[in-house]
Amino acid sequence: MVSPDVERAPLPPGGGARFLLEALVAGSPIANPGVKFPPPFLFVAGFLVGWLIHRQWPVPLLPRASARVCEVAGWAALAMGLGVILWAFATFLRRRTAIYPNQPATQIVRDGPYRWTRNPMYLSLTSMYLGLALLINSVVPILVLPVVLILLVSLVIRREERYLQAAFPEEYGAYCADVRRWL
């Protein structure tokens, strides 16, 4: 809600839609990455699809007698993913930049886990996803994971990269040259 004492700038002739279209065509800076949903939803949805298929047609990773290996590895992957994602969140909070990809970034973060990967949060979500698949000892969610990652790259990461390149052209270009997208 806008406060009554805040004046709104009048829209130019032709209305808001036309003004927005002209701004986009003119190459105005992008305000934020424009991701319309929280990226973890992709992982949750993908895992749920895999889990539901697994419940109908179970395909274990290992026989029941060796399932303890999956359990230990699953907990390790979950713990590693949780640790890295918390480290990545703390790094963004310390730098006071946007965590959510529908908010503008204030800077390129190059410390913490961002020294080794441009996407530690997505790597963490991938690790946690794999950990859960190991815990339920199922191949099916793992088979769904490539679809999740393809959607993540096309719907989220490319938008974020395009935004960061426009917002911080020199700094982001240097960062991309130094640090890989994944590992």
Protein backbone atom coordinates (compact mmCIF):
# COMPACT_ATOMS: atom_id res chain seq x y z
CA MET A 1 0.00 0.00 0.00
CA VAL A 2 1.32 3.44 -0.95
CA SER A 3 1.32 6.13 1.71
CA PRO A 4 -1.01 9.07 0.87
CA ASP A 5 1.87 11.55 1.23
CA VAL A 6 3.91 9.81 -1.49
CA GLU A 7 3.39 11.32 -4.91
CA ARG A 8 3.18 9.00 -7.87
CA ALA A 9 4.90 9.98 -11.06
CA PRO A 10 2.39 10.42 -13.87
CA LEU A 11 2.52 7.84 -16.63
CA PRO A 12 3.65 9.12 -20.00
CA PRO A 13 1.13 9.43 -22.84
CA GLY A 14 0.05 6.01 -24.04
CA GLY A 15 -0.26 4.46 -20.57
CA GLY A 16 1.79 2.10 -18.50
CA ALA A 17 1.89 -0.91 -20.84
CA ARG A 18 3.22 1.12 -23.73
CA PHE A 19 5.77 2.86 -21.47
CA LEU A 20 6.98 -0.52 -20.17
CA LEU A 21 7.29 -1.92 -23.69
CA GLU A 22 9.23 1.14 -24.86
CA ALA A 23 11.55 0.88 -21.85
CA LEU A 24 12.23 -2.77 -22.60
CA VAL A 25 12.89 -2.10 -26.28
CA ALA A 26 15.11 0.88 -25.43
CA GLY A 27 17.35 -1.40 -23.36
CA SER A 28 16.61 -0.04 -19.91
CA PRO A 29 18.46 -1.77 -17.10
CA ILE A 30 16.81 -4.90 -15.76
CA ALA A 31 15.45 -4.27 -12.25
CA ASN A 32 15.94 -7.85 -11.02
CA PRO A 33 16.37 -11.37 -12.45
CA GLY A 34 12.60 -11.71 -12.86
CA VAL A 35 12.33 -15.23 -11.44
CA LYS A 36 8.64 -15.69 -10.63
CA PHE A 37 8.90 -18.54 -8.10
CA PRO A 38 11.29 -19.69 -5.38
CA PRO A 39 13.85 -21.98 -7.07
CA PRO A 40 13.62 -24.63 -4.29
CA PHE A 41 10.11 -25.34 -5.62
CA LEU A 42 11.70 -27.01 -8.66
CA PHE A 43 13.60 -29.41 -6.40
CA VAL A 44 10.57 -30.10 -4.20
CA ALA A 45 8.30 -30.70 -7.20
CA GLY A 46 10.87 -32.92 -8.93
CA PHE A 47 11.48 -34.97 -5.82
CA LEU A 48 7.75 -35.38 -5.18
CA VAL A 49 7.24 -36.63 -8.74
CA GLY A 50 10.11 -39.09 -8.31
CA TRP A 51 8.87 -40.21 -4.90
CA LEU A 52 5.30 -40.73 -6.15
CA ILE A 53 6.54 -42.81 -9.08
CA HIS A 54 8.81 -44.73 -6.69
CA ARG A 55 5.84 -45.55 -4.45
CA GLN A 56 4.02 -47.02 -7.43
CA TRP A 57 7.02 -48.74 -9.07
CA PRO A 58 9.90 -48.96 -6.58
CA VAL A 59 13.39 -49.31 -8.02
CA PRO A 60 15.97 -49.43 -5.19
CA LEU A 61 19.51 -48.15 -5.62
CA LEU A 62 20.87 -51.01 -3.53
CA PRO A 63 19.37 -54.27 -2.29
CA ARG A 64 17.76 -54.08 1.13
CA ALA A 65 20.76 -55.84 2.71
CA SER A 66 23.04 -52.96 1.60
CA ALA A 67 20.58 -50.15 2.26
CA ARG A 68 22.61 -48.93 5.26
CA VAL A 69 25.21 -47.58 2.78
CA CYS A 70 22.48 -45.45 1.16
CA GLU A 71 21.33 -44.23 4.55
CA VAL A 72 24.80 -43.09 5.66
CA ALA A 73 25.54 -41.47 2.30
CA GLY A 74 22.11 -39.83 2.29
CA TRP A 75 22.59 -38.24 5.69
CA ALA A 76 26.07 -37.07 4.65
CA ALA A 77 24.72 -35.46 1.45
CA LEU A 78 21.90 -33.79 3.38
CA ALA A 79 24.29 -32.44 6.03
CA MET A 80 26.75 -31.19 3.42
CA GLY A 81 23.98 -29.48 1.43
CA LEU A 82 22.48 -27.89 4.53
CA GLY A 83 25.88 -26.65 5.69
CA VAL A 84 26.76 -25.06 2.36
CA ILE A 85 23.36 -23.44 1.87
CA LEU A 86 23.50 -21.92 5.36
CA TRP A 87 27.03 -20.66 4.60
CA ALA A 88 25.78 -19.16 1.31
CA PHE A 89 22.81 -17.47 3.04
CA ALA A 90 25.08 -16.08 5.75
CA THR A 91 27.47 -14.75 3.11
CA PHE A 92 24.65 -12.94 1.29
CA LEU A 93 23.28 -11.55 4.55
CA ARG A 94 26.73 -10.33 5.61
CA ARG A 95 27.11 -8.59 2.22
CA ARG A 96 23.54 -7.22 2.41
CA THR A 97 22.50 -8.36 -1.03
CA ALA A 98 19.34 -10.09 -2.22
CA ILE A 99 18.91 -13.79 -1.51
CA TYR A 100 15.71 -14.18 -3.50
CA PRO A 101 15.99 -13.97 -7.31
CA ASN A 102 13.04 -11.61 -7.64
CA GLN A 103 14.94 -8.87 -5.78
CA PRO A 104 17.75 -6.66 -7.12
CA ALA A 105 21.33 -7.53 -6.16
CA THR A 106 23.47 -4.84 -4.58
CA GLN A 107 26.81 -6.40 -5.51
CA ILE A 108 28.63 -9.46 -6.85
CA VAL A 109 29.55 -11.71 -3.93
CA ARG A 110 32.91 -13.44 -4.38
CA ASP A 111 33.68 -14.72 -0.91
CA GLY A 112 32.42 -17.65 1.15
CA PRO A 113 31.25 -20.54 -1.03
CA TYR A 114 31.02 -18.14 -3.97
CA ARG A 115 34.80 -18.43 -4.33
CA TRP A 116 34.38 -21.93 -5.80
CA THR A 117 30.97 -21.85 -7.48
CA ARG A 118 28.60 -19.18 -8.74
CA ASN A 119 25.64 -21.26 -7.55
CA PRO A 120 26.35 -22.75 -4.11
CA MET A 121 22.68 -22.60 -3.11
CA TYR A 122 21.62 -24.66 -6.13
CA LEU A 123 24.48 -27.10 -5.58
CA SER A 124 23.30 -27.42 -1.99
CA LEU A 125 19.73 -28.10 -3.07
CA THR A 126 21.05 -30.73 -5.49
CA SER A 127 23.07 -32.35 -2.70
CA MET A 128 20.04 -32.40 -0.39
CA TYR A 129 17.85 -33.82 -3.18
CA LEU A 130 20.37 -36.62 -3.77
CA GLY A 131 20.59 -37.20 -0.02
CA LEU A 132 16.84 -37.70 0.19
CA ALA A 133 16.92 -40.07 -2.81
CA LEU A 134 19.62 -42.08 -1.04
CA LEU A 135 17.64 -42.11 2.21
CA ILE A 136 14.63 -43.62 0.48
CA ASN A 137 16.98 -45.89 -1.52
CA SER A 138 15.39 -45.03 -4.85
CA VAL A 139 16.66 -44.61 -8.39
CA VAL A 140 13.52 -42.82 -9.58
CA PRO A 141 14.09 -39.37 -8.02
CA ILE A 142 17.65 -39.48 -9.36
CA LEU A 143 16.28 -40.09 -12.85
CA VAL A 144 14.04 -37.02 -12.44
CA LEU A 145 16.92 -34.81 -11.24
CA PRO A 146 18.27 -33.97 -14.75
CA VAL A 147 14.86 -32.54 -15.65
CA VAL A 148 14.93 -30.42 -12.48
CA LEU A 149 18.42 -29.15 -13.33
CA ILE A 150 17.50 -28.37 -16.96
CA LEU A 151 14.50 -26.37 -15.73
CA LEU A 152 16.66 -24.65 -13.11
CA VAL A 153 19.20 -23.54 -15.71
CA SER A 154 16.61 -22.41 -18.26
CA LEU A 155 14.08 -20.77 -15.90
CA VAL A 156 16.33 -19.42 -13.15
CA ILE A 157 20.09 -19.43 -13.68
CA ARG A 158 20.10 -17.94 -17.18
CA ARG A 159 17.80 -15.14 -16.00
CA GLU A 160 20.04 -14.46 -13.02
CA GLU A 161 23.13 -14.44 -15.21
CA ARG A 162 21.55 -12.10 -17.76
CA TYR A 163 20.51 -9.73 -14.96
CA LEU A 164 23.91 -9.77 -13.25
CA GLN A 165 25.71 -9.21 -16.57
CA ALA A 166 23.50 -6.17 -17.23
CA ALA A 167 23.73 -4.81 -13.68
CA PHE A 168 27.48 -5.40 -13.12
CA PRO A 169 29.00 -5.87 -16.60
CA GLU A 170 32.71 -5.70 -15.84
CA GLU A 171 32.64 -7.22 -12.36
CA TYR A 172 30.33 -10.09 -13.32
CA GLY A 173 32.30 -10.82 -16.48
CA ALA A 174 35.50 -11.10 -14.43
CA TYR A 175 33.71 -13.27 -11.86
CA CYS A 176 32.47 -15.64 -14.59
CA ALA A 177 36.01 -15.89 -15.96
CA ASP A 178 37.34 -16.82 -12.51
CA VAL A 179 34.56 -19.02 -11.08
CA ARG A 180 32.57 -21.80 -12.75
CA ARG A 181 28.79 -21.96 -12.80
CA TRP A 182 28.79 -25.27 -10.89
CA LEU A 183 32.17 -26.56 -9.71
